[in-house]
N, C-alpha and C. Protein backbone atom coordinates (compact mmCIF):
# COMPACT_ATOMS: atom_id res chain seq x y z
N MET A 1 22.62 3.33 -22.80
CA MET A 1 22.32 3.86 -21.58
C MET A 1 23.66 3.92 -20.87
N SER A 2 24.05 5.44 -20.66
CA SER A 2 25.02 5.43 -19.72
C SER A 2 25.06 4.91 -18.05
N ASP A 3 26.37 4.48 -17.69
CA ASP A 3 26.70 3.77 -15.99
C ASP A 3 26.32 4.77 -15.31
N LYS A 4 26.23 6.05 -15.47
CA LYS A 4 25.54 7.16 -14.62
C LYS A 4 24.29 7.22 -14.64
N VAL A 5 23.45 7.07 -15.86
CA VAL A 5 22.16 7.08 -15.82
C VAL A 5 21.46 5.85 -15.18
N LYS A 6 22.06 4.67 -15.76
CA LYS A 6 21.67 3.58 -14.88
C LYS A 6 21.61 3.61 -13.52
N ASP A 7 23.14 4.08 -13.00
CA ASP A 7 22.78 4.48 -11.40
C ASP A 7 22.22 5.24 -10.83
N ALA A 8 21.69 6.23 -11.62
CA ALA A 8 20.57 7.33 -11.12
C ALA A 8 19.11 6.52 -11.18
N THR A 9 18.90 5.73 -12.17
CA THR A 9 17.97 5.24 -12.21
C THR A 9 17.61 4.13 -10.95
N ASN A 10 18.63 3.20 -10.87
CA ASN A 10 18.81 2.12 -9.70
C ASN A 10 18.48 2.91 -8.01
N THR A 11 18.87 3.94 -8.12
CA THR A 11 18.89 4.54 -6.77
C THR A 11 17.96 5.23 -6.59
N ALA A 12 16.97 5.42 -7.85
CA ALA A 12 15.57 6.33 -7.87
C ALA A 12 14.57 5.10 -7.48
N GLN A 13 14.88 3.89 -8.01
CA GLN A 13 14.14 3.04 -7.75
C GLN A 13 13.90 2.40 -6.64
N SER A 14 15.30 2.04 -5.80
CA SER A 14 15.65 1.47 -4.87
C SER A 14 14.63 2.57 -3.70
N ALA A 15 14.77 3.80 -3.75
CA ALA A 15 14.22 4.97 -2.71
C ALA A 15 12.63 4.72 -2.81
N CYS A 16 12.16 4.23 -4.30
CA CYS A 16 10.37 4.19 -4.55
C CYS A 16 10.45 2.86 -3.51
N ASN A 17 10.94 1.89 -3.94
CA ASN A 17 10.94 0.83 -3.03
C ASN A 17 10.67 0.79 -1.84
N ASP A 18 11.81 1.59 -0.96
CA ASP A 18 11.66 1.76 0.49
C ASP A 18 10.68 2.62 0.66
N LEU A 19 10.54 3.72 0.05
CA LEU A 19 9.04 4.43 0.55
C LEU A 19 8.07 3.49 0.57
N LEU A 20 7.92 2.76 -0.73
CA LEU A 20 6.96 1.72 -0.93
C LEU A 20 6.40 0.77 0.62
N SER A 21 7.45 0.25 0.67
CA SER A 21 7.63 -0.84 2.04
C SER A 21 7.51 0.30 3.33
N LYS A 22 8.05 1.16 3.64
CA LYS A 22 7.62 2.11 4.55
C LYS A 22 5.88 2.43 4.78
N ILE A 23 5.25 3.02 3.54
CA ILE A 23 3.69 3.39 3.55
C ILE A 23 2.89 1.91 3.67
N ILE A 24 3.93 1.17 3.07
CA ILE A 24 2.53 -0.55 3.71
C ILE A 24 2.64 -0.95 5.22
N ASN A 25 3.93 -0.47 5.64
CA ASN A 25 4.25 -1.14 6.80
C ASN A 25 3.60 -0.12 7.90
N ASN A 26 3.98 0.95 7.99
CA ASN A 26 3.08 1.98 8.66
C ASN A 26 1.91 2.96 8.54
N ASN A 27 1.52 2.72 7.08
CA ASN A 27 0.35 3.32 6.80
C ASN A 27 -0.75 2.63 6.35
N THR A 28 -0.66 1.23 6.24
CA THR A 28 -1.84 0.58 5.92
C THR A 28 -1.87 -0.75 6.82
N ALA A 29 -3.03 -1.24 6.83
CA ALA A 29 -3.24 -2.78 7.71
C ALA A 29 -4.22 -3.42 6.56
N ILE A 30 -4.01 -4.37 6.97
CA ILE A 30 -5.27 -5.78 6.51
C ILE A 30 -5.82 -6.04 7.61
N ARG A 31 -6.94 -6.50 7.78
CA ARG A 31 -7.96 -6.96 8.56
C ARG A 31 -8.80 -7.67 8.44
N PRO A 32 -8.88 -8.90 9.00
CA PRO A 32 -10.27 -9.89 8.58
C PRO A 32 -11.33 -9.06 9.22
N CYS A 33 -12.07 -9.76 7.81
CA CYS A 33 -13.63 -8.99 8.37
C CYS A 33 -14.65 -10.60 8.09
N VAL A 34 -15.97 -10.20 8.62
CA VAL A 34 -16.98 -11.03 8.34
C VAL A 34 -18.33 -10.58 7.07
N VAL A 35 -18.07 -11.17 6.30
CA VAL A 35 -18.87 -11.16 5.03
C VAL A 35 -20.05 -11.99 5.35
N ASP A 36 -21.34 -12.02 5.49
CA ASP A 36 -22.57 -12.36 5.48
C ASP A 36 -22.37 -14.07 6.22
N GLY A 37 -21.78 -13.54 7.38
CA GLY A 37 -21.51 -14.67 8.39
C GLY A 37 -20.35 -15.39 8.04
N ASP A 38 -19.39 -15.37 7.21
CA ASP A 38 -18.68 -16.27 6.77
C ASP A 38 -17.33 -15.60 7.12
N GLU A 39 -16.70 -16.18 8.17
CA GLU A 39 -15.31 -15.77 8.68
C GLU A 39 -14.06 -16.03 8.00
N ASP A 40 -14.27 -16.85 7.27
CA ASP A 40 -13.05 -17.32 6.35
C ASP A 40 -12.68 -16.66 5.21
N ASP A 41 -11.20 -16.27 5.43
CA ASP A 41 -11.00 -15.37 4.15
C ASP A 41 -11.35 -13.95 3.69
N ASN A 42 -11.74 -13.56 4.49
CA ASN A 42 -12.41 -12.09 4.12
C ASN A 42 -11.49 -10.98 4.97
N TYR A 43 -11.08 -9.83 3.92
CA TYR A 43 -10.15 -9.26 4.20
C TYR A 43 -10.83 -7.67 4.03
N THR A 44 -10.47 -6.46 4.74
CA THR A 44 -10.81 -4.99 4.70
C THR A 44 -8.93 -4.35 4.65
N VAL A 45 -9.12 -3.45 4.06
CA VAL A 45 -7.76 -2.70 3.64
C VAL A 45 -7.79 -1.34 4.40
N TRP A 46 -6.85 -0.87 5.24
CA TRP A 46 -6.92 0.26 6.07
C TRP A 46 -5.90 1.20 5.58
N LEU A 47 -6.37 2.93 6.11
CA LEU A 47 -5.44 3.83 5.96
C LEU A 47 -4.85 4.10 7.15
N ILE A 48 -3.75 4.28 7.58
CA ILE A 48 -3.47 4.45 8.85
C ILE A 48 -2.44 5.86 8.99
N ILE A 49 -2.99 6.97 9.55
CA ILE A 49 -2.17 8.20 9.45
C ILE A 49 -2.40 8.69 11.30
N GLY A 50 -1.39 8.68 11.85
CA GLY A 50 -0.98 9.03 12.92
C GLY A 50 -2.38 7.67 13.82
N VAL A 51 -3.53 8.41 14.94
CA VAL A 51 -4.22 7.59 15.34
C VAL A 51 -5.18 7.58 15.02
N GLN A 52 -5.58 8.11 13.67
CA GLN A 52 -6.80 7.66 12.83
C GLN A 52 -6.49 6.62 11.82
N GLU A 53 -7.54 5.82 11.63
CA GLU A 53 -7.85 4.73 10.68
C GLU A 53 -9.08 4.80 10.15
N PHE A 54 -8.71 4.86 8.83
CA PHE A 54 -9.55 4.92 7.42
C PHE A 54 -9.81 2.97 6.90
N CYS A 55 -10.85 2.70 6.90
CA CYS A 55 -11.46 1.91 5.95
C CYS A 55 -11.57 2.19 4.62
N VAL A 56 -10.57 1.67 3.58
CA VAL A 56 -10.54 2.23 2.64
C VAL A 56 -11.48 1.11 1.55
N THR A 57 -11.73 -0.18 2.09
CA THR A 57 -12.65 -0.92 1.19
C THR A 57 -13.49 -1.62 2.24
N ALA A 58 -14.65 -1.84 1.56
CA ALA A 58 -16.13 -2.38 2.40
C ALA A 58 -15.58 -3.36 2.59
N TYR A 59 -15.08 -4.21 1.23
CA TYR A 59 -14.59 -5.49 1.37
C TYR A 59 -13.21 -6.25 0.50
N ALA A 60 -12.42 -6.12 0.60
CA ALA A 60 -11.53 -6.44 -0.51
C ALA A 60 -10.95 -7.67 -0.79
N GLY A 61 -11.91 -9.03 -0.51
CA GLY A 61 -11.58 -9.83 -1.00
C GLY A 61 -10.70 -10.87 -0.09
N ASN A 62 -10.04 -11.75 -0.92
CA ASN A 62 -9.47 -12.64 0.27
C ASN A 62 -7.94 -12.01 0.59
N LEU A 63 -7.32 -12.64 0.87
CA LEU A 63 -5.77 -11.88 1.40
C LEU A 63 -4.75 -11.82 0.13
N GLU A 64 -4.99 -12.56 -0.84
CA GLU A 64 -4.02 -11.78 -2.22
C GLU A 64 -4.33 -10.95 -2.74
N GLU A 65 -5.92 -10.77 -2.71
CA GLU A 65 -6.76 -9.68 -3.24
C GLU A 65 -6.47 -8.31 -2.30
N SER A 66 -6.40 -8.38 -1.29
CA SER A 66 -6.39 -7.69 0.09
C SER A 66 -4.77 -7.12 0.01
N LYS A 67 -3.96 -7.96 -0.31
CA LYS A 67 -2.65 -7.13 -0.43
C LYS A 67 -2.03 -6.55 -2.14
N TRP A 68 -3.03 -7.26 -2.96
CA TRP A 68 -2.80 -6.05 -4.50
C TRP A 68 -3.24 -4.76 -3.88
N THR A 69 -4.46 -4.63 -3.15
CA THR A 69 -5.26 -3.23 -2.79
C THR A 69 -4.45 -2.19 -2.04
N GLN A 70 -3.95 -3.09 -0.92
CA GLN A 70 -2.84 -2.29 -0.19
C GLN A 70 -1.57 -1.92 -1.00
N ASP A 71 -0.92 -2.62 -1.86
CA ASP A 71 -0.48 -2.24 -2.48
C ASP A 71 -0.17 -1.24 -3.78
N LEU A 72 -1.71 -0.79 -4.31
CA LEU A 72 -2.29 0.09 -4.74
C LEU A 72 -2.38 1.32 -4.06
N LEU A 73 -3.00 1.21 -2.94
CA LEU A 73 -3.08 2.56 -1.89
C LEU A 73 -1.75 2.97 -2.09
N ALA A 74 -0.74 2.04 -1.79
CA ALA A 74 0.43 2.77 -1.20
C ALA A 74 1.31 3.58 -2.15
N ARG A 75 1.11 2.50 -3.48
CA ARG A 75 1.52 3.30 -4.73
C ARG A 75 0.61 4.92 -5.00
N ALA A 76 -0.57 4.73 -4.69
CA ALA A 76 -1.21 6.30 -4.93
C ALA A 76 -0.73 7.05 -4.21
N LEU A 77 -0.68 7.06 -2.98
CA LEU A 77 0.27 7.69 -1.55
C LEU A 77 1.24 8.32 -2.25
N ILE A 78 2.17 7.18 -3.00
CA ILE A 78 3.49 7.70 -3.39
C ILE A 78 3.29 9.28 -4.22
N ARG A 79 2.32 8.41 -5.16
CA ARG A 79 2.04 9.44 -6.49
C ARG A 79 1.73 10.75 -6.00
N LEU A 80 1.12 10.82 -4.54
CA LEU A 80 0.59 12.34 -4.00
C LEU A 80 1.49 12.52 -3.49
N ILE A 81 2.41 12.28 -2.47
CA ILE A 81 3.46 12.84 -2.07
C ILE A 81 4.66 13.51 -3.11
N GLU A 82 4.63 12.30 -4.27
CA GLU A 82 5.54 13.41 -5.39
C GLU A 82 4.36 14.44 -6.07
N GLN A 83 3.26 14.54 -6.36
CA GLN A 83 2.76 15.48 -6.70
C GLN A 83 2.61 16.90 -5.89
N GLU A 84 3.08 16.77 -4.37
CA GLU A 84 3.24 17.84 -3.64
C GLU A 84 4.47 18.66 -3.25
N ARG A 85 5.38 17.58 -4.07
CA ARG A 85 6.70 18.30 -3.89
C ARG A 85 7.28 19.60 -4.80
């Protein structure tokens, strides 16, 4: 692979990572929730668009599972943005 192709690939990957971070930080949230009276380590994942917020999981699991779901949501939003370009 030529250096120009490697540079272009690295630039595109960096832009994707920046967008992923921006979407995770600005357009999603992980919030604690109570499941069957248990308040420990239960979370939901939210999509935030302006002043509107949408719970996208009834229950996303523990914090690690919720972060995984949040990442998948952000990546799906990136694919949606790319399809609309």
